[in-house]
Protein backbone atom coordinates (compact mmCIF):
# COMPACT_ATOMS: atom_id res chain seq x y z
CA MET A 1 -40.42 10.37 -66.73
CA ASP A 2 -42.30 10.82 -70.57
CA LYS A 3 -39.73 8.40 -72.11
CA ILE A 4 -40.96 9.05 -75.73
CA THR A 5 -40.25 13.05 -75.19
CA ALA A 6 -36.80 11.98 -73.41
CA ILE A 7 -35.71 9.74 -76.24
CA GLN A 8 -36.91 12.60 -78.58
CA SER A 9 -34.31 14.62 -76.94
CA PHE A 10 -31.54 12.18 -76.88
CA VAL A 11 -32.08 11.40 -80.56
CA GLU A 12 -31.90 14.85 -81.07
CA VAL A 13 -28.93 15.94 -79.09
CA ALA A 14 -27.33 12.95 -80.95
CA ARG A 15 -27.91 14.42 -84.41
CA SER A 16 -27.03 18.03 -83.99
CA GLY A 17 -24.18 17.22 -81.13
CA SER A 18 -25.30 20.22 -79.39
CA PHE A 19 -28.11 20.34 -76.26
CA THR A 20 -28.43 24.04 -77.34
CA LYS A 21 -29.15 23.33 -81.14
CA ALA A 22 -31.57 20.19 -80.12
CA ALA A 23 -33.50 22.38 -77.69
CA ALA A 24 -34.11 24.89 -80.35
CA HIS A 25 -35.29 22.07 -82.95
CA LEU A 26 -37.56 20.58 -80.25
CA GLU A 27 -38.90 24.16 -79.25
CA LEU A 28 -37.83 23.33 -75.49
CA SER A 29 -35.21 25.14 -72.93
CA ARG A 30 -31.76 23.85 -72.74
CA LEU A 31 -32.27 22.97 -69.33
CA GLN A 32 -35.47 20.46 -70.25
CA VAL A 33 -33.56 18.96 -73.08
CA THR A 34 -30.28 18.19 -70.61
CA ARG A 35 -32.95 16.76 -67.81
CA HIS A 36 -34.11 14.71 -70.41
CA VAL A 37 -31.22 13.18 -71.36
CA GLN A 38 -29.95 13.01 -67.90
CA ASP A 39 -33.58 11.05 -67.33
CA ILE A 40 -32.56 8.56 -69.94
CA GLU A 41 -28.95 7.92 -68.48
CA GLN A 42 -30.78 7.10 -65.17
CA TRP A 43 -33.19 4.69 -66.51
CA LEU A 44 -30.69 2.87 -68.47
CA SER A 45 -27.96 3.38 -66.11
CA LEU A 46 -25.91 4.61 -68.64
CA ARG A 47 -23.36 7.39 -69.54
CA LEU A 48 -24.34 8.23 -73.41
CA PHE A 49 -22.30 11.43 -73.90
CA HIS A 50 -18.75 12.80 -73.32
CA ARG A 51 -19.53 16.28 -72.25
CA THR A 52 -16.96 18.91 -72.81
CA THR A 53 -17.45 23.12 -73.12
CA ARG A 54 -16.85 22.38 -76.51
CA LYS A 55 -18.26 18.97 -78.19
CA VAL A 56 -20.94 16.58 -77.14
CA SER A 57 -20.25 13.06 -78.78
CA LEU A 58 -21.82 9.87 -78.12
CA THR A 59 -19.96 7.13 -75.75
CA ASN A 60 -20.09 3.57 -76.97
CA GLN A 61 -22.70 2.75 -74.88
CA GLY A 62 -25.03 5.75 -76.21
CA GLU A 63 -24.13 4.78 -79.94
CA GLU A 64 -25.72 1.55 -78.90
CA ALA A 65 -28.50 3.18 -77.57
CA LEU A 66 -29.29 5.35 -80.03
CA ALA A 67 -29.93 2.81 -82.61
CA TYR A 68 -32.56 1.05 -80.48
CA CYS A 69 -34.02 4.99 -79.39
CA LYS A 70 -34.47 5.75 -83.43
CA GLN A 71 -36.05 2.38 -83.77
CA ILE A 72 -38.82 3.40 -80.90
CA LEU A 73 -39.18 6.78 -82.42
CA SER A 74 -39.70 5.18 -85.59
CA THR A 75 -42.22 2.44 -84.34
CA VAL A 76 -44.25 5.40 -82.15
CA LEU A 77 -44.46 7.50 -85.53
CA ASP A 78 -45.96 4.40 -87.49
CA LEU A 79 -48.24 3.72 -84.66
CA GLN A 80 -49.38 7.46 -84.51
CA SER A 81 -49.99 7.22 -88.65
CA ARG A 82 -51.97 3.84 -88.45
CA ALA A 83 -53.96 5.38 -85.39
CA HIS A 84 -55.34 8.21 -87.86
CA ASN A 85 -55.32 6.42 -90.83
CA HIS A 86 -59.32 5.58 -91.27
CA ASN A 87 -60.00 4.29 -94.45
CA ASN A 88 -56.01 4.53 -95.62
CA GLU A 89 -55.72 7.87 -94.75
CA LEU A 90 -52.26 9.28 -94.67
CA VAL A 91 -50.99 11.76 -91.76
CA GLY A 92 -47.83 13.35 -91.56
CA THR A 93 -45.02 16.07 -92.43
CA ILE A 94 -42.52 14.90 -95.36
CA ARG A 95 -39.63 17.22 -95.76
CA VAL A 96 -38.23 17.16 -99.32
CA ALA A 97 -35.25 18.86 -100.98
CA ALA A 98 -35.33 19.47 -104.56
CA PRO A 99 -33.80 21.40 -107.39
CA ILE A 100 -35.65 25.03 -107.77
CA GLY A 101 -37.00 24.57 -110.87
CA LEU A 102 -38.52 20.99 -110.13
CA GLY A 103 -39.92 22.48 -106.78
CA GLN A 104 -41.75 25.12 -108.81
CA ASN A 105 -43.36 22.70 -111.79
CA LEU A 106 -43.29 18.91 -111.67
CA LEU A 107 -42.88 18.67 -107.74
CA PHE A 108 -45.31 21.40 -106.68
CA ASP A 109 -47.95 19.76 -109.01
CA ALA A 110 -47.26 16.44 -107.47
CA ILE A 111 -47.54 18.06 -103.93
CA GLU A 112 -50.62 19.47 -104.97
CA GLU A 113 -52.40 16.23 -106.00
CA PHE A 114 -50.87 14.47 -103.03
CA VAL A 115 -52.28 16.64 -100.63
CA ALA A 116 -55.94 16.67 -102.28
CA ILE A 117 -55.77 13.01 -102.05
CA HIS A 118 -54.59 13.16 -98.55
CA PRO A 119 -55.39 16.23 -96.90
CA ASN A 120 -53.70 15.56 -93.26
CA THR A 121 -50.35 15.41 -94.90
CA HIS A 122 -48.06 18.45 -94.75
CA PHE A 123 -44.69 19.34 -96.68
CA GLN A 124 -41.54 21.14 -95.97
CA LEU A 125 -39.56 21.78 -98.83
CA VAL A 126 -36.12 22.65 -99.24
CA LEU A 127 -35.28 24.08 -102.82
CA SER A 128 -32.06 24.43 -103.64
CA ASP A 129 -29.75 23.56 -106.82
CA ARG A 130 -26.79 22.41 -104.33
CA LEU A 131 -27.14 18.89 -103.13
CA SER A 132 -28.55 18.69 -99.85
CA GLN A 133 -27.24 17.08 -96.67
CA LEU A 134 -29.99 14.51 -95.74
CA VAL A 135 -28.96 14.42 -92.10
CA ASP A 136 -27.81 17.74 -91.40
CA GLU A 137 -31.28 19.17 -93.10
CA ARG A 138 -33.37 16.58 -91.68
CA VAL A 139 -34.76 15.83 -95.31
CA ASP A 140 -36.86 12.66 -95.66
CA ILE A 141 -36.42 12.57 -99.59
CA ALA A 142 -34.12 14.17 -101.90
CA LEU A 143 -34.53 14.32 -105.51
CA ARG A 144 -31.51 14.50 -107.55
CA TYR A 145 -30.40 14.60 -110.99
CA THR A 146 -27.75 12.19 -111.60
CA HIS A 147 -26.37 9.21 -113.52
CA GLU A 148 -25.24 7.62 -110.20
CA PRO A 149 -26.56 8.29 -106.91
CA ASP A 150 -24.44 8.11 -104.02
CA GLU A 151 -23.64 4.27 -103.14
CA GLN A 152 -24.14 4.66 -98.89
CA LEU A 153 -28.05 6.22 -99.96
CA ILE A 154 -31.13 4.46 -100.95
CA ALA A 155 -31.92 5.35 -104.04
CA ARG A 156 -35.40 4.69 -106.39
CA LYS A 157 -34.86 5.85 -109.98
CA LEU A 158 -38.27 7.83 -111.01
CA MET A 159 -37.70 9.12 -114.59
CA TYR A 160 -35.43 10.06 -117.17
CA ILE A 161 -35.33 13.78 -117.96
CA ASN A 162 -34.15 15.11 -121.47
CA THR A 163 -32.37 18.41 -122.01
CA ALA A 164 -32.64 20.54 -125.30
CA ILE A 165 -30.53 23.28 -126.58
CA CYS A 166 -32.79 26.42 -126.87
CA ALA A 167 -33.52 29.86 -127.50
CA SER A 168 -36.47 32.45 -128.59
CA PRO A 169 -37.00 32.72 -132.47
CA THR A 170 -35.92 36.49 -132.15
CA TYR A 171 -32.58 35.53 -130.64
CA LEU A 172 -31.95 33.10 -133.41
CA ALA A 173 -33.22 35.54 -136.29
CA ASN A 174 -31.06 38.26 -134.88
CA ASN A 175 -27.92 36.16 -134.32
CA SER A 176 -25.57 34.13 -136.92
CA PRO A 177 -26.79 30.41 -137.44
CA ILE A 178 -25.71 27.21 -135.59
CA THR A 179 -24.76 24.67 -138.33
CA LYS A 180 -22.08 22.98 -135.62
CA PRO A 181 -21.57 22.94 -131.86
CA GLN A 182 -18.29 24.98 -132.02
CA ASP A 183 -20.78 27.79 -133.24
CA LEU A 184 -22.04 28.15 -129.59
CA LEU A 185 -18.70 29.93 -128.95
CA GLN A 186 -19.82 32.88 -130.64
CA HIS A 187 -23.21 33.10 -129.03
CA ASN A 188 -24.33 34.26 -125.92
CA CYS A 189 -25.05 31.41 -123.66
CA LEU A 190 -27.09 31.32 -120.14
CA VAL A 191 -25.13 29.14 -118.05
CA HIS A 192 -25.86 27.17 -115.08
CA SER A 193 -23.53 27.45 -112.65
CA GLY A 194 -20.99 24.37 -112.51
CA SER A 195 -22.33 23.56 -116.16
CA SER A 196 -20.64 25.83 -118.38
CA THR A 197 -19.39 22.84 -120.46
CA TRP A 198 -22.25 21.56 -122.84
CA HIS A 199 -22.09 17.98 -123.85
CA ILE A 200 -23.76 17.65 -127.52
CA ILE A 201 -24.51 15.06 -129.95
CA SER A 202 -24.33 16.12 -133.49
CA ASP A 203 -24.22 13.57 -136.69
CA ASN A 204 -23.15 10.43 -134.48
CA GLU A 205 -20.57 12.68 -133.15
CA ASP A 206 -19.96 13.35 -129.45
CA GLU A 207 -18.42 17.24 -128.75
CA LYS A 208 -17.87 18.98 -125.29
CA VAL A 209 -18.03 22.88 -125.92
CA THR A 210 -17.27 25.18 -122.93
CA VAL A 211 -19.79 27.90 -123.59
CA LYS A 212 -20.08 31.64 -121.69
CA GLY A 213 -22.43 34.63 -121.83
CA SER A 214 -23.64 37.21 -119.46
CA ILE A 215 -26.18 35.34 -117.30
CA ASN A 216 -24.76 32.27 -114.64
CA ALA A 217 -27.51 31.50 -112.25
CA ASN A 218 -27.76 28.50 -110.09
CA ASP A 219 -31.86 28.56 -110.73
CA MET A 220 -33.15 27.14 -114.09
CA SER A 221 -35.84 28.98 -114.03
CA VAL A 222 -33.86 32.15 -114.34
CA LEU A 223 -31.85 30.65 -117.43
CA LEU A 224 -35.62 29.77 -118.71
CA LYS A 225 -36.69 33.03 -118.32
CA ALA A 226 -34.01 34.94 -119.78
CA ALA A 227 -34.07 32.75 -122.91
CA ILE A 228 -37.46 33.27 -123.38
CA LYS A 229 -37.09 37.42 -123.17
CA GLY A 230 -34.28 36.64 -126.25
CA MET A 231 -31.47 37.17 -124.08
CA GLY A 232 -29.33 34.15 -125.26
CA ILE A 233 -29.26 30.30 -125.37
CA ALA A 234 -30.07 27.95 -122.80
CA ASN A 235 -29.43 24.13 -122.23
CA LEU A 236 -32.75 23.46 -120.34
CA PRO A 237 -33.95 20.34 -118.94
CA CYS A 238 -37.17 19.11 -120.79
CA ASP A 239 -39.48 19.49 -117.91
CA LEU A 240 -39.43 23.21 -117.95
CA ALA A 241 -38.45 23.68 -121.78
CA ASN A 242 -41.24 21.71 -123.36
CA ARG A 243 -44.29 23.75 -122.75
CA TYR A 244 -42.53 26.74 -124.28
CA LEU A 245 -41.10 24.65 -127.41
CA GLU A 246 -44.68 23.50 -127.95
CA GLN A 247 -46.21 27.11 -127.71
CA GLY A 248 -42.73 28.27 -129.88
CA LYS A 249 -41.80 30.86 -127.30
CA LEU A 250 -38.40 28.71 -127.56
CA VAL A 251 -37.05 26.59 -130.40
CA LYS A 252 -34.10 24.47 -130.69
CA VAL A 253 -31.12 26.01 -131.68
CA ASN A 254 -30.42 23.14 -134.23
CA PRO A 255 -32.66 20.17 -134.96
CA SER A 256 -29.83 17.54 -135.26
CA PHE A 257 -28.32 18.64 -131.93
CA SER A 258 -28.99 16.51 -128.91
CA SER A 259 -27.62 16.76 -125.07
CA PRO A 260 -27.97 14.05 -122.76
CA GLY A 261 -30.06 14.32 -119.82
CA GLN A 262 -30.01 12.75 -116.56
CA HIS A 263 -31.99 10.23 -114.53
CA LEU A 264 -34.32 11.94 -111.41
CA TRP A 265 -33.98 9.91 -108.06
CA ALA A 266 -35.69 9.99 -104.89
CA VAL A 267 -32.99 9.17 -102.25
CA TYR A 268 -33.27 8.66 -98.77
CA LEU A 269 -31.17 7.43 -95.79
CA SER A 270 -33.10 4.13 -94.87
CA ARG A 271 -36.33 2.12 -95.23
CA HIS A 272 -36.27 0.86 -91.84
CA TYR A 273 -37.16 4.14 -90.04
CA GLN A 274 -39.08 5.71 -93.07
CA GLN A 275 -42.77 6.71 -91.89
CA ASN A 276 -45.41 5.10 -94.13
CA VAL A 277 -46.34 8.45 -94.94
CA VAL A 278 -43.35 9.03 -96.67
CA ARG A 279 -43.08 5.82 -98.05
CA ALA A 280 -46.28 6.15 -99.65
CA PHE A 281 -45.13 9.76 -101.30
CA ILE A 282 -41.94 8.08 -102.97
CA ASP A 283 -44.38 5.25 -104.51
CA PHE A 284 -47.07 8.44 -105.60
CA LEU A 285 -43.87 9.69 -107.55
CA ALA A 286 -43.08 6.77 -109.15
CA LEU A 287 -46.14 6.17 -110.52
CA ARG A 288 -46.95 9.75 -111.61
CA TRP A 289 -43.37 10.27 -113.30
CA GLN A 290 -43.32 6.71 -114.61
CA GLN A 291 -43.10 8.42 -118.05
CA ASP A 292 -39.53 9.67 -119.43
CA ILE A 293 -39.35 13.18 -120.19
CA LEU A 294 -37.79 13.74 -123.58
C-alpha cells in the first residue's frame, strides 16, 4: 500500500464529505479512493467513516486519525519543499483568494515579483469580492479588507488602504457642485454591491449617506472604469484610484471630504500545517506592503 496516497485520499474524503468529490479532486477513480480508505482502515484496525447512501461522516476514531494524518501530510509536503530548496529555492503551489480589484493590481504585481525570485512557485487565484470559504475552496491565504478579522482564523495585518470619493473632471464640470455630503443624493453614484451607504467625514463631522446610481457592481474595477468615463461618482480604494488621481483622470469631489478605508489582512487557517512556501509569501507581502496607501 502507498500509505501517503492512501492518507491523501482519507483526508480529502474527510474534507469533502464525499468519495466521489475526493476522487474528482485527486484525479483518481472512486474505486481507487474507496480502496485507499479501506487500506487505511485495515492498517489502523479502525473504522474511519460512518457511511450511508446519502452521507459520509467521520467516526470518533476517524476524527482522531484525521488530525495525525493531516500532520503527516504537512510534514511530507515540508520535506518535499526542503528537498528542492537548494540555495533557499522555494517550491510549491499557493492558492490565494482576493478581491477582484486587488488581484488585478497590487496582488498581480506582487506575484510577478515573487515568481521572478522563486521560479518554481505557482499560484492559483480565486478572485471574487465575496468572502471566500477557506476550507471549501481549499484556499491557503485569503486577502480581506476588514476592520476585525474572524476570531476563528489566524490573521496578519498587511496594510491600511484609504478610500477616495472621486469622479472625472468632465462629470464634475457638467453637474451641480458638491459642498456637503447630502449633495451626493442629487448625483449619480456608482455603487459597490452591499456598500450603498458611504461614511463621510467633513468639517470634523461624521455623516452616513445612502447613495444610488445607474451602476451597481461587485467589482471595483468596473466602478473605476465607469468613473473615469464620466458616468458618475465612485468611492474607490486608493490602491485603485491614486494612479488616476495623479494623472488627473479622476479628482476628489470635495477636498474636505474623507472616507475611512480598511485594513488589508492575510487570513489563513493554521500556522502548524502551513507549507514553508506559503509562509514565505505571506512574509513577502507583509514586507512589500508595509506602507499604508492613503
